[in-house]
Amino acid sequence: MEAETKKITLLIVAALVVVTLVFAVIFYFRSSGGSENNETNETTVTPNALEQRAAPTVVEEVAPEQLVQQQTPPEDSKEAQLKRVSIDFAARFGTYSSDAQAENLKQLLPQLSGDLKQWAEKNIAAAVTVSADSFTAVTTVALSAKIISQSTSKAMVEVSTQRTYVNGTDARVVYETATLSLVKSGSWQVESVTWAPRAQ
């Protein structure tokens, strides 16, 4: 009888120990899992982060006509190119001195055409053999260009200039208009130039 009572007591104690261990394990895993979840779910919110969340994104609206103005060049590129060529040519063609031996014409030969090119070649040849008695020079500054007419192969452009004439020690400034007749042969070439006092 005593042996059976001891067995029952041992079984009860063993069962209590097992149940206690099971509860301890369950409690341990629940508490550790909960703390991990808490750590995972917790987010530190700083004042700056709140401001960034609260600040709306500002999108600047651009009117359609402003887009057109931004995309359209201020002047047609063909006209702008023709004006640039004319201004550069008038300034270089109209600037020379007795000491330079027609250097301006030598540099401009590739841009000349027809009778003007033949005239320039003769002047270059003559300048090599002629020596001036006194120093003379003309300095030309191109101020602006105006297209009189333009087609795919021909154009006429007026270039307003300021020219300084020097003869020895004397100098005078005049305002003249160079009228250029140009032909298109791959690039623009000048076939004639006339100078006239600029109209006031």
N, C-alpha and C. Protein backbone atom coordinates (compact mmCIF):
# COMPACT_ATOMS: atom_id res chain seq x y z
N MET A 1 0.83 -1.20 0.00
CA MET A 1 0.00 0.00 0.00
C MET A 1 0.86 1.23 0.00
N GLU A 2 1.86 1.17 0.83
CA GLU A 2 2.76 2.32 0.90
C GLU A 2 3.50 2.48 -0.40
N ALA A 3 3.82 1.36 -1.04
CA ALA A 3 4.54 1.43 -2.32
C ALA A 3 3.67 2.08 -3.36
N GLU A 4 2.39 1.77 -3.40
CA GLU A 4 1.50 2.38 -4.38
C GLU A 4 1.34 3.87 -4.11
N THR A 5 1.25 4.25 -2.83
CA THR A 5 1.12 5.66 -2.47
C THR A 5 2.34 6.43 -2.92
N LYS A 6 3.50 5.83 -2.77
CA LYS A 6 4.74 6.49 -3.19
C LYS A 6 4.76 6.69 -4.71
N LYS A 7 4.29 5.63 -5.43
CA LYS A 7 4.27 5.73 -6.89
C LYS A 7 3.35 6.85 -7.33
N ILE A 8 2.16 6.93 -6.73
CA ILE A 8 1.19 7.96 -7.08
C ILE A 8 1.77 9.34 -6.79
N THR A 9 2.43 9.44 -5.62
CA THR A 9 3.02 10.73 -5.24
C THR A 9 4.10 11.14 -6.22
N LEU A 10 4.94 10.17 -6.61
CA LEU A 10 6.01 10.47 -7.58
C LEU A 10 5.43 10.89 -8.94
N LEU A 11 4.36 10.19 -9.35
CA LEU A 11 3.73 10.54 -10.62
C LEU A 11 3.15 11.95 -10.58
N ILE A 12 2.51 12.30 -9.47
CA ILE A 12 1.92 13.64 -9.34
C ILE A 12 3.02 14.69 -9.37
N VAL A 13 4.11 14.42 -8.62
CA VAL A 13 5.23 15.39 -8.58
C VAL A 13 5.83 15.54 -9.96
N ALA A 14 6.02 14.38 -10.66
CA ALA A 14 6.60 14.43 -12.00
C ALA A 14 5.70 15.20 -12.95
N ALA A 15 4.37 14.95 -12.84
CA ALA A 15 3.42 15.66 -13.70
C ALA A 15 3.46 17.15 -13.43
N LEU A 16 3.54 17.53 -12.14
CA LEU A 16 3.61 18.96 -11.80
C LEU A 16 4.88 19.60 -12.36
N VAL A 17 6.00 18.86 -12.28
CA VAL A 17 7.27 19.39 -12.80
C VAL A 17 7.17 19.61 -14.31
N VAL A 18 6.58 18.59 -15.00
CA VAL A 18 6.44 18.70 -16.48
C VAL A 18 5.55 19.87 -16.84
N VAL A 19 4.39 19.99 -16.15
CA VAL A 19 3.46 21.10 -16.43
C VAL A 19 4.14 22.43 -16.18
N THR A 20 4.90 22.51 -15.07
CA THR A 20 5.61 23.76 -14.74
C THR A 20 6.62 24.10 -15.83
N LEU A 21 7.36 23.08 -16.29
CA LEU A 21 8.34 23.32 -17.36
C LEU A 21 7.65 23.78 -18.65
N VAL A 22 6.52 23.12 -18.96
CA VAL A 22 5.78 23.51 -20.18
C VAL A 22 5.33 24.95 -20.09
N PHE A 23 4.75 25.35 -18.96
CA PHE A 23 4.31 26.74 -18.78
C PHE A 23 5.49 27.71 -18.85
N ALA A 24 6.62 27.30 -18.26
CA ALA A 24 7.81 28.17 -18.27
C ALA A 24 8.29 28.39 -19.71
N VAL A 25 8.31 27.29 -20.49
CA VAL A 25 8.76 27.41 -21.89
C VAL A 25 7.79 28.28 -22.68
N ILE A 26 6.48 28.05 -22.52
CA ILE A 26 5.48 28.86 -23.24
C ILE A 26 5.61 30.32 -22.87
N PHE A 27 5.75 30.62 -21.60
CA PHE A 27 5.88 32.00 -21.13
C PHE A 27 7.13 32.65 -21.70
N TYR A 28 8.22 31.86 -21.74
CA TYR A 28 9.49 32.40 -22.23
C TYR A 28 9.35 32.80 -23.71
N PHE A 29 8.80 31.88 -24.51
CA PHE A 29 8.69 32.17 -25.94
C PHE A 29 7.70 33.29 -26.22
N ARG A 30 6.66 33.38 -25.47
CA ARG A 30 5.69 34.47 -25.67
C ARG A 30 6.31 35.81 -25.35
N SER A 31 7.02 35.87 -24.22
CA SER A 31 7.61 37.15 -23.82
C SER A 31 8.71 37.58 -24.78
N SER A 32 9.56 36.65 -25.24
CA SER A 32 10.63 37.03 -26.17
C SER A 32 10.05 37.40 -27.53
N GLY A 33 9.06 36.69 -28.01
CA GLY A 33 8.42 37.02 -29.29
C GLY A 33 7.74 38.36 -29.24
N GLY A 34 7.10 38.67 -28.14
CA GLY A 34 6.42 39.97 -28.00
C GLY A 34 7.37 41.12 -28.00
N SER A 35 8.54 40.91 -27.31
CA SER A 35 9.50 42.01 -27.26
C SER A 35 10.08 42.27 -28.64
N GLU A 36 10.29 41.14 -29.45
CA GLU A 36 10.81 41.33 -30.80
C GLU A 36 9.82 42.09 -31.64
N ASN A 37 8.52 41.73 -31.49
CA ASN A 37 7.50 42.44 -32.25
C ASN A 37 7.44 43.90 -31.88
N ASN A 38 7.57 44.14 -30.55
CA ASN A 38 7.55 45.54 -30.11
C ASN A 38 8.72 46.31 -30.70
N GLU A 39 9.92 45.64 -30.70
CA GLU A 39 11.09 46.32 -31.24
C GLU A 39 10.92 46.58 -32.73
N THR A 40 10.31 45.60 -33.42
CA THR A 40 10.15 45.74 -34.86
C THR A 40 9.15 46.82 -35.21
N ASN A 41 8.07 46.88 -34.42
CA ASN A 41 6.99 47.80 -34.75
C ASN A 41 7.24 49.22 -34.28
N GLU A 42 8.16 49.37 -33.32
CA GLU A 42 8.40 50.71 -32.81
C GLU A 42 9.20 51.52 -33.83
N THR A 43 8.78 52.77 -34.08
CA THR A 43 9.48 53.67 -35.00
C THR A 43 9.70 54.98 -34.29
N THR A 44 10.95 55.43 -34.33
CA THR A 44 11.25 56.71 -33.70
C THR A 44 10.91 57.83 -34.67
N VAL A 45 10.07 58.71 -34.26
CA VAL A 45 9.64 59.83 -35.10
C VAL A 45 10.26 61.10 -34.56
N THR A 46 11.10 61.72 -35.36
CA THR A 46 11.74 62.98 -34.95
C THR A 46 10.90 64.14 -35.45
N PRO A 47 11.08 65.31 -34.85
CA PRO A 47 10.34 66.49 -35.32
C PRO A 47 10.60 66.79 -36.79
N ASN A 48 11.86 66.59 -37.24
CA ASN A 48 12.17 66.86 -38.65
C ASN A 48 11.39 65.94 -39.57
N ALA A 49 11.26 64.65 -39.13
CA ALA A 49 10.52 63.71 -39.95
C ALA A 49 9.07 64.12 -40.06
N LEU A 50 8.51 64.61 -38.93
CA LEU A 50 7.12 65.08 -38.97
C LEU A 50 6.97 66.25 -39.91
N GLU A 51 7.96 67.17 -39.88
CA GLU A 51 7.88 68.33 -40.78
C GLU A 51 7.96 67.90 -42.23
N GLN A 52 8.84 66.89 -42.50
CA GLN A 52 8.98 66.43 -43.88
C GLN A 52 7.70 65.78 -44.36
N ARG A 53 7.05 65.03 -43.44
CA ARG A 53 5.79 64.40 -43.84
C ARG A 53 4.71 65.44 -44.07
N ALA A 54 4.74 66.46 -43.23
CA ALA A 54 3.66 67.45 -43.30
C ALA A 54 3.85 68.40 -44.47
N ALA A 55 5.12 68.64 -44.88
CA ALA A 55 5.37 69.63 -45.93
C ALA A 55 4.87 69.11 -47.27
N PRO A 56 3.99 69.83 -47.95
CA PRO A 56 3.48 69.38 -49.24
C PRO A 56 4.52 69.61 -50.34
N THR A 57 4.45 68.81 -51.39
CA THR A 57 5.34 68.98 -52.54
C THR A 57 4.78 70.09 -53.43
N VAL A 58 5.62 71.09 -53.70
CA VAL A 58 5.18 72.23 -54.51
C VAL A 58 5.58 71.99 -55.95
N VAL A 59 4.63 71.97 -56.85
CA VAL A 59 4.89 71.80 -58.28
C VAL A 59 4.57 73.12 -58.98
N GLU A 60 5.61 73.69 -59.60
CA GLU A 60 5.44 74.98 -60.27
C GLU A 60 4.75 74.76 -61.62
N GLU A 61 3.66 75.47 -61.81
CA GLU A 61 2.93 75.35 -63.06
C GLU A 61 3.52 76.28 -64.11
N VAL A 62 3.68 75.77 -65.33
CA VAL A 62 4.20 76.57 -66.43
C VAL A 62 3.13 76.64 -67.50
N ALA A 63 2.80 77.86 -67.88
CA ALA A 63 1.77 78.05 -68.89
C ALA A 63 2.25 77.54 -70.25
N PRO A 64 1.36 77.03 -71.11
CA PRO A 64 1.77 76.51 -72.43
C PRO A 64 2.51 77.54 -73.27
N GLU A 65 2.08 78.81 -73.20
CA GLU A 65 2.76 79.83 -74.02
C GLU A 65 4.19 80.06 -73.56
N GLN A 66 4.46 79.85 -72.25
CA GLN A 66 5.83 79.99 -71.76
C GLN A 66 6.70 78.87 -72.31
N LEU A 67 6.15 77.66 -72.41
CA LEU A 67 6.90 76.55 -72.97
C LEU A 67 7.25 76.81 -74.42
N VAL A 68 6.32 77.39 -75.17
CA VAL A 68 6.57 77.71 -76.57
C VAL A 68 7.68 78.73 -76.68
N GLN A 69 7.65 79.76 -75.81
CA GLN A 69 8.68 80.79 -75.84
C GLN A 69 10.05 80.21 -75.50
N GLN A 70 10.10 79.27 -74.55
CA GLN A 70 11.38 78.69 -74.16
C GLN A 70 11.95 77.81 -75.26
N GLN A 71 11.09 77.12 -76.01
CA GLN A 71 11.57 76.20 -77.03
C GLN A 71 11.88 76.90 -78.35
N THR A 72 11.25 78.03 -78.63
CA THR A 72 11.45 78.72 -79.89
C THR A 72 12.66 79.63 -79.80
N PRO A 73 13.64 79.50 -80.71
CA PRO A 73 14.80 80.39 -80.69
C PRO A 73 14.37 81.82 -80.98
N PRO A 74 15.12 82.82 -80.46
CA PRO A 74 14.72 84.21 -80.64
C PRO A 74 14.69 84.63 -82.10
N GLU A 75 15.44 83.95 -82.95
CA GLU A 75 15.47 84.31 -84.36
C GLU A 75 15.73 83.06 -85.17
N ASP A 76 15.14 83.03 -86.37
CA ASP A 76 15.35 81.89 -87.23
C ASP A 76 16.83 81.65 -87.45
N SER A 77 17.27 80.41 -87.31
CA SER A 77 18.70 80.10 -87.36
C SER A 77 19.33 80.45 -88.70
N LYS A 78 18.60 80.29 -89.81
CA LYS A 78 19.15 80.62 -91.13
C LYS A 78 19.40 82.12 -91.25
N GLU A 79 18.45 82.91 -90.78
CA GLU A 79 18.63 84.37 -90.81
C GLU A 79 19.78 84.79 -89.90
N ALA A 80 19.83 84.20 -88.72
CA ALA A 80 20.91 84.54 -87.77
C ALA A 80 22.27 84.20 -88.36
N GLN A 81 22.36 83.05 -89.02
CA GLN A 81 23.63 82.64 -89.64
C GLN A 81 24.03 83.62 -90.74
N LEU A 82 23.07 84.01 -91.57
CA LEU A 82 23.36 84.95 -92.66
C LEU A 82 23.83 86.29 -92.12
N LYS A 83 23.21 86.76 -91.05
CA LYS A 83 23.63 88.03 -90.44
C LYS A 83 25.04 87.92 -89.87
N ARG A 84 25.33 86.80 -89.19
CA ARG A 84 26.67 86.62 -88.62
C ARG A 84 27.74 86.63 -89.71
N VAL A 85 27.47 85.92 -90.81
CA VAL A 85 28.42 85.88 -91.93
C VAL A 85 28.63 87.27 -92.50
N SER A 86 27.55 88.02 -92.66
CA SER A 86 27.63 89.37 -93.26
C SER A 86 28.38 90.34 -92.36
N ILE A 87 28.10 90.30 -91.07
CA ILE A 87 28.77 91.20 -90.12
C ILE A 87 30.27 90.90 -90.08
N ASP A 88 30.61 89.62 -90.00
CA ASP A 88 32.03 89.24 -89.96
C ASP A 88 32.74 89.66 -91.25
N PHE A 89 32.08 89.43 -92.38
CA PHE A 89 32.70 89.77 -93.66
C PHE A 89 32.92 91.27 -93.80
N ALA A 90 31.90 92.07 -93.50
CA ALA A 90 32.01 93.52 -93.66
C ALA A 90 33.13 94.09 -92.80
N ALA A 91 33.26 93.60 -91.57
CA ALA A 91 34.31 94.10 -90.67
C ALA A 91 35.69 93.76 -91.20
N ARG A 92 35.87 92.54 -91.68
CA ARG A 92 37.19 92.11 -92.16
C ARG A 92 37.52 92.70 -93.53
N PHE A 93 36.52 92.74 -94.42
CA PHE A 93 36.75 93.28 -95.76
C PHE A 93 37.05 94.78 -95.69
N GLY A 94 36.40 95.46 -94.76
CA GLY A 94 36.56 96.91 -94.66
C GLY A 94 37.72 97.36 -93.80
N THR A 95 38.51 96.43 -93.29
CA THR A 95 39.67 96.78 -92.45
C THR A 95 40.95 96.41 -93.18
N TYR A 96 41.77 97.41 -93.43
CA TYR A 96 43.04 97.16 -94.14
C TYR A 96 44.00 98.31 -93.87
N SER A 97 45.26 98.10 -94.23
CA SER A 97 46.27 99.15 -94.10
C SER A 97 47.30 99.01 -95.21
N SER A 98 48.03 100.09 -95.44
CA SER A 98 49.05 100.06 -96.50
C SER A 98 50.20 99.12 -96.14
N ASP A 99 50.38 98.84 -94.87
CA ASP A 99 51.47 97.94 -94.45
C ASP A 99 51.10 96.46 -94.58
N ALA A 100 49.80 96.15 -94.61
CA ALA A 100 49.36 94.75 -94.54
C ALA A 100 49.38 94.03 -95.87
N GLN A 101 49.56 94.76 -96.98
CA GLN A 101 49.64 94.16 -98.31
C GLN A 101 48.43 93.26 -98.61
N ALA A 102 47.24 93.83 -98.45
CA ALA A 102 45.97 93.16 -98.79
C ALA A 102 45.78 91.84 -98.05
N GLU A 103 46.25 91.79 -96.81
CA GLU A 103 46.11 90.58 -96.01
C GLU A 103 44.64 90.22 -95.78
N ASN A 104 43.80 91.25 -95.65
CA ASN A 104 42.37 90.98 -95.43
C ASN A 104 41.76 90.26 -96.63
N LEU A 105 42.18 90.65 -97.85
CA LEU A 105 41.64 90.00 -99.04
C LEU A 105 42.13 88.55 -99.16
N LYS A 106 43.37 88.31 -98.77
CA LYS A 106 43.91 86.94 -98.81
C LYS A 106 43.09 86.02 -97.91
N GLN A 107 42.76 86.52 -96.72
CA GLN A 107 42.01 85.70 -95.77
C GLN A 107 40.57 85.46 -96.23
N LEU A 108 40.02 86.44 -96.98
CA LEU A 108 38.62 86.35 -97.38
C LEU A 108 38.40 85.68 -98.73
N LEU A 109 39.45 85.33 -99.45
CA LEU A 109 39.29 84.74 -100.78
C LEU A 109 38.31 83.56 -100.82
N PRO A 110 38.33 82.63 -99.84
CA PRO A 110 37.37 81.51 -99.89
C PRO A 110 35.91 81.96 -99.78
N GLN A 111 35.68 83.17 -99.28
CA GLN A 111 34.31 83.67 -99.13
C GLN A 111 33.88 84.56 -100.28
N LEU A 112 34.74 84.73 -101.29
CA LEU A 112 34.44 85.60 -102.42
C LEU A 112 33.99 84.78 -103.62
N SER A 113 33.20 85.43 -104.48
CA SER A 113 32.68 84.74 -105.66
C SER A 113 32.65 85.70 -106.85
N GLY A 114 32.73 85.14 -108.05
CA GLY A 114 32.55 85.91 -109.28
C GLY A 114 33.53 87.04 -109.47
N ASP A 115 32.99 88.20 -109.90
CA ASP A 115 33.82 89.37 -110.20
C ASP A 115 34.58 89.86 -108.97
N LEU A 116 33.97 89.78 -107.81
CA LEU A 116 34.63 90.26 -106.59
C LEU A 116 35.88 89.43 -106.29
N LYS A 117 35.81 88.15 -106.55
CA LYS A 117 36.98 87.29 -106.31
C LYS A 117 38.11 87.65 -107.29
N GLN A 118 37.76 87.89 -108.55
CA GLN A 118 38.78 88.28 -109.54
C GLN A 118 39.41 89.63 -109.17
N TRP A 119 38.57 90.57 -108.73
CA TRP A 119 39.08 91.89 -108.32
C TRP A 119 40.05 91.74 -107.14
N ALA A 120 39.70 90.89 -106.18
CA ALA A 120 40.54 90.69 -105.00
C ALA A 120 41.88 90.07 -105.39
N GLU A 121 41.86 89.10 -106.27
CA GLU A 121 43.11 88.46 -106.70
C GLU A 121 44.05 89.45 -107.37
N LYS A 122 43.50 90.36 -108.20
CA LYS A 122 44.33 91.39 -108.84
C LYS A 122 44.92 92.34 -107.81
N ASN A 123 44.11 92.74 -106.83
CA ASN A 123 44.59 93.66 -105.79
C ASN A 123 45.65 93.02 -104.90
N ILE A 124 45.51 91.74 -104.64
CA ILE A 124 46.53 91.03 -103.85
C ILE A 124 47.86 91.03 -104.59
N ALA A 125 47.81 90.75 -105.88
CA ALA A 125 49.03 90.73 -106.69
C ALA A 125 49.66 92.12 -106.76
N ALA A 126 48.83 93.15 -106.90
CA ALA A 126 49.35 94.52 -107.00
C ALA A 126 49.93 94.99 -105.68
N ALA A 127 49.34 94.57 -104.56
CA ALA A 127 49.79 95.03 -103.25
C ALA A 127 51.19 94.55 -102.92
N VAL A 128 51.58 93.42 -103.48
CA VAL A 128 52.90 92.87 -103.20
C VAL A 128 53.99 93.74 -103.83
N THR A 129 53.70 94.33 -104.99
CA THR A 129 54.72 95.09 -105.73
C THR A 129 54.69 96.59 -105.44
N VAL A 130 53.61 97.09 -104.84
CA VAL A 130 53.46 98.53 -104.61
C VAL A 130 53.82 98.85 -103.16
N SER A 131 54.63 99.89 -102.97
CA SER A 131 54.93 100.37 -101.62
C SER A 131 54.33 101.76 -101.46
N ALA A 132 53.63 101.97 -100.35
CA ALA A 132 52.95 103.25 -100.13
C ALA A 132 53.94 104.30 -99.65
N ASP A 133 53.70 105.56 -100.08
CA ASP A 133 54.56 106.66 -99.64
C ASP A 133 54.29 107.02 -98.18
N SER A 134 53.02 106.95 -97.77
CA SER A 134 52.67 107.26 -96.38
C SER A 134 51.71 106.20 -95.86
N PHE A 135 51.63 106.12 -94.55
CA PHE A 135 50.78 105.10 -93.93
C PHE A 135 49.31 105.49 -94.05
N THR A 136 48.50 104.56 -94.56
CA THR A 136 47.05 104.73 -94.60
C THR A 136 46.40 103.45 -94.07
N ALA A 137 45.26 103.63 -93.43
CA ALA A 137 44.56 102.46 -92.87
C ALA A 137 43.09 102.78 -92.68
N VAL A 138 42.30 101.75 -92.71
CA VAL A 138 40.88 101.86 -92.41
C VAL A 138 40.53 100.73 -91.44
N THR A 139 39.91 101.09 -90.33
CA THR A 139 39.44 100.10 -89.36
C THR A 139 37.92 100.13 -89.35
N THR A 140 37.31 98.99 -89.58
CA THR A 140 35.85 98.91 -89.69
C THR A 140 35.28 98.07 -88.56
N VAL A 141 34.27 98.63 -87.91
CA VAL A 141 33.53 97.91 -86.88
C VAL A 141 32.10 97.73 -87.38
N ALA A 142 31.65 96.48 -87.50
CA ALA A 142 30.28 96.21 -87.94
C ALA A 142 29.33 96.34 -86.75
N LEU A 143 28.30 97.16 -86.91
CA LEU A 143 27.38 97.45 -85.80
C LEU A 143 26.13 96.57 -85.83
N SER A 144 25.56 96.40 -87.01
CA SER A 144 24.33 95.60 -87.11
C SER A 144 24.13 95.17 -88.56
N ALA A 145 23.24 94.21 -88.76
CA ALA A 145 22.95 93.72 -90.11
C ALA A 145 21.45 93.66 -90.32
N LYS A 146 21.04 93.96 -91.55
CA LYS A 146 19.62 93.92 -91.91
C LYS A 146 19.49 93.15 -93.22
N ILE A 147 18.67 92.11 -93.22
CA ILE A 147 18.47 91.32 -94.43
C ILE A 147 17.44 92.02 -95.31
N ILE A 148 17.86 92.38 -96.53
CA ILE A 148 16.96 93.04 -97.47
C ILE A 148 16.14 92.00 -98.22
N SER A 149 16.80 90.94 -98.67
CA SER A 149 16.10 89.85 -99.36
C SER A 149 16.89 88.56 -99.13
N GLN A 150 16.16 87.44 -99.18
CA GLN A 150 16.81 86.14 -98.96
C GLN A 150 16.00 85.04 -99.61
N SER A 151 16.70 84.18 -100.36
CA SER A 151 16.10 82.97 -100.90
C SER A 151 17.04 81.81 -100.57
N THR A 152 16.77 80.66 -101.12
CA THR A 152 17.62 79.51 -100.81
C THR A 152 19.02 79.65 -101.40
N SER A 153 19.16 80.46 -102.48
CA SER A 153 20.46 80.55 -103.16
C SER A 153 21.05 81.96 -103.20
N LYS A 154 20.26 83.00 -102.89
CA LYS A 154 20.76 84.38 -102.97
C LYS A 154 20.26 85.19 -101.78
N ALA A 155 21.00 86.25 -101.48
CA ALA A 155 20.59 87.15 -100.40
C ALA A 155 21.25 88.51 -100.59
N MET A 156 20.60 89.52 -100.03
CA MET A 156 21.18 90.87 -100.00
C MET A 156 21.05 91.37 -98.57
N VAL A 157 22.17 91.84 -98.03
CA VAL A 157 22.22 92.26 -96.63
C VAL A 157 22.90 93.62 -96.53
N GLU A 158 22.33 94.49 -95.72
CA GLU A 158 22.96 95.78 -95.41
C GLU A 158 23.59 95.71 -94.03
N VAL A 159 24.86 96.08 -93.95
CA VAL A 159 25.59 96.06 -92.68
C VAL A 159 25.96 97.49 -92.32
N SER A 160 25.48 97.96 -91.17
CA SER A 160 25.85 99.29 -90.68
C SER A 160 27.21 99.21 -90.00
N THR A 161 28.09 100.16 -90.36
CA THR A 161 29.46 100.10 -89.83
C THR A 161 29.93 101.47 -89.35
N GLN A 162 30.92 101.41 -88.49
CA GLN A 162 31.67 102.61 -88.09
C GLN A 162 33.09 102.41 -88.61
N ARG A 163 33.57 103.37 -89.43
CA ARG A 163 34.88 103.21 -90.06
C ARG A 163 35.79 104.38 -89.66
N THR A 164 37.00 104.03 -89.29
CA THR A 164 38.00 105.04 -88.93
C THR A 164 39.07 105.06 -90.01
N TYR A 165 39.16 106.21 -90.68
CA TYR A 165 40.15 106.39 -91.75
C TYR A 165 41.38 107.09 -91.17
N VAL A 166 42.54 106.51 -91.40
CA VAL A 166 43.80 107.10 -90.92
C VAL A 166 44.69 107.37 -92.13
N ASN A 167 45.19 108.61 -92.19
CA ASN A 167 46.14 108.99 -93.24
C ASN A 167 47.29 109.72 -92.56
N GLY A 168 48.40 109.02 -92.42
CA GLY A 168 49.52 109.60 -91.68
C GLY A 168 49.15 109.73 -90.22
N THR A 169 49.05 110.98 -89.75
CA THR A 169 48.66 111.23 -88.35
C THR A 169 47.22 111.71 -88.23
N ASP A 170 46.55 111.89 -89.36
CA ASP A 170 45.16 112.36 -89.34
C ASP A 170 44.20 111.17 -89.30
N ALA A 171 43.13 111.32 -88.53
CA ALA A 171 42.12 110.26 -88.44
C ALA A 171 40.73 110.88 -88.44
N ARG A 172 39.80 110.21 -89.09
CA ARG A 172 38.40 110.66 -89.06
C ARG A 172 37.49 109.43 -88.99
N VAL A 173 36.37 109.62 -88.34
CA VAL A 173 35.41 108.52 -88.15
C VAL A 173 34.17 108.82 -88.98
N VAL A 174 33.73 107.84 -89.75
CA VAL A 174 32.51 107.98 -90.55
C VAL A 174 31.63 106.74 -90.33
N TYR A 175 30.35 106.91 -90.60
CA TYR A 175 29.40 105.80 -90.50
C TYR A 175 28.94 105.46 -91.91
N GLU A 176 29.18 104.23 -92.32
CA GLU A 176 28.85 103.81 -93.67
C GLU A 176 28.07 102.50 -93.65
N THR A 177 27.33 102.28 -94.73
CA THR A 177 26.59 101.03 -94.89
C THR A 177 27.22 100.21 -96.01
N ALA A 178 27.53 98.97 -95.70
CA ALA A 178 28.04 98.04 -96.72
C ALA A 178 26.87 97.18 -97.18
N THR A 179 26.58 97.24 -98.49
CA THR A 179 25.53 96.39 -99.05
C THR A 179 26.18 95.18 -99.70
N LEU A 180 25.88 94.01 -99.17
CA LEU A 180 26.49 92.77 -99.65
C LEU A 180 25.49 91.97 -100.49
N SER A 181 25.96 91.50 -101.63
CA SER A 181 25.19 90.57 -102.44
C SER A 181 25.84 89.20 -102.28
N LEU A 182 25.07 88.23 -101.80
CA LEU A 182 25.62 86.91 -101.48
C LEU A 182 24.96 85.82 -102.30
N VAL A 183 25.73 84.77 -102.58
CA VAL A 183 25.20 83.59 -103.25
C VAL A 183 25.53 82.37 -102.39
N LYS A 184 24.63 81.39 -102.43
CA LYS A 184 24.83 80.17 -101.63
C LYS A 184 25.45 79.10 -102.50
N SER A 185 26.67 78.70 -102.14
CA SER A 185 27.35 77.61 -102.84
C SER A 185 27.97 76.72 -101.77
N GLY A 186 27.13 75.93 -101.15
CA GLY A 186 27.56 75.20 -99.96
C GLY A 186 27.49 76.10 -98.75
N SER A 187 28.28 77.17 -98.77
CA SER A 187 28.22 78.21 -97.74
C SER A 187 27.96 79.55 -98.45
N TRP A 188 27.67 80.58 -97.67
CA TRP A 188 27.41 81.90 -98.26
C TRP A 188 28.71 82.52 -98.74
N GLN A 189 28.70 83.00 -100.00
CA GLN A 189 29.84 83.70 -100.57
C GLN A 189 29.39 85.07 -101.07
N VAL A 190 30.28 86.05 -100.99
CA VAL A 190 29.94 87.42 -101.36
C VAL A 190 30.41 87.67 -102.79
N GLU A 191 29.48 88.15 -103.65
CA GLU A 191 29.84 88.42 -105.04
C GLU A 191 29.97 89.91 -105.34
N SER A 192 29.46 90.77 -104.45
CA SER A 192 29.68 92.21 -104.63
C SER A 192 29.49 92.95 -103.31
N VAL A 193 30.22 94.07 -103.19
CA VAL A 193 30.14 94.93 -102.00
C VAL A 193 30.12 96.37 -102.47
N THR A 194 29.19 97.15 -101.93
CA THR A 194 29.19 98.60 -102.19
C THR A 194 29.12 99.32 -100.86
N TRP A 195 29.90 100.41 -100.77
CA TRP A 195 29.92 101.23 -99.56
C TRP A 195 29.21 102.55 -99.84
N ALA A 196 28.44 103.01 -98.87
CA ALA A 196 27.75 104.29 -99.01
C ALA A 196 27.60 104.91 -97.63
N PRO A 197 27.57 106.27 -97.57
CA PRO A 197 27.33 106.91 -96.27
C PRO A 197 26.02 106.41 -95.67
N ARG A 198 26.03 106.17 -94.39
CA ARG A 198 24.83 105.64 -93.74
C ARG A 198 23.76 106.71 -93.67
N ALA A 199 22.54 106.34 -94.03
CA ALA A 199 21.43 107.29 -93.98
C ALA A 199 21.12 107.64 -92.54
N GLN A 200 20.90 108.90 -92.29
CA GLN A 200 20.62 109.35 -90.92
C GLN A 200 19.15 109.10 -90.58
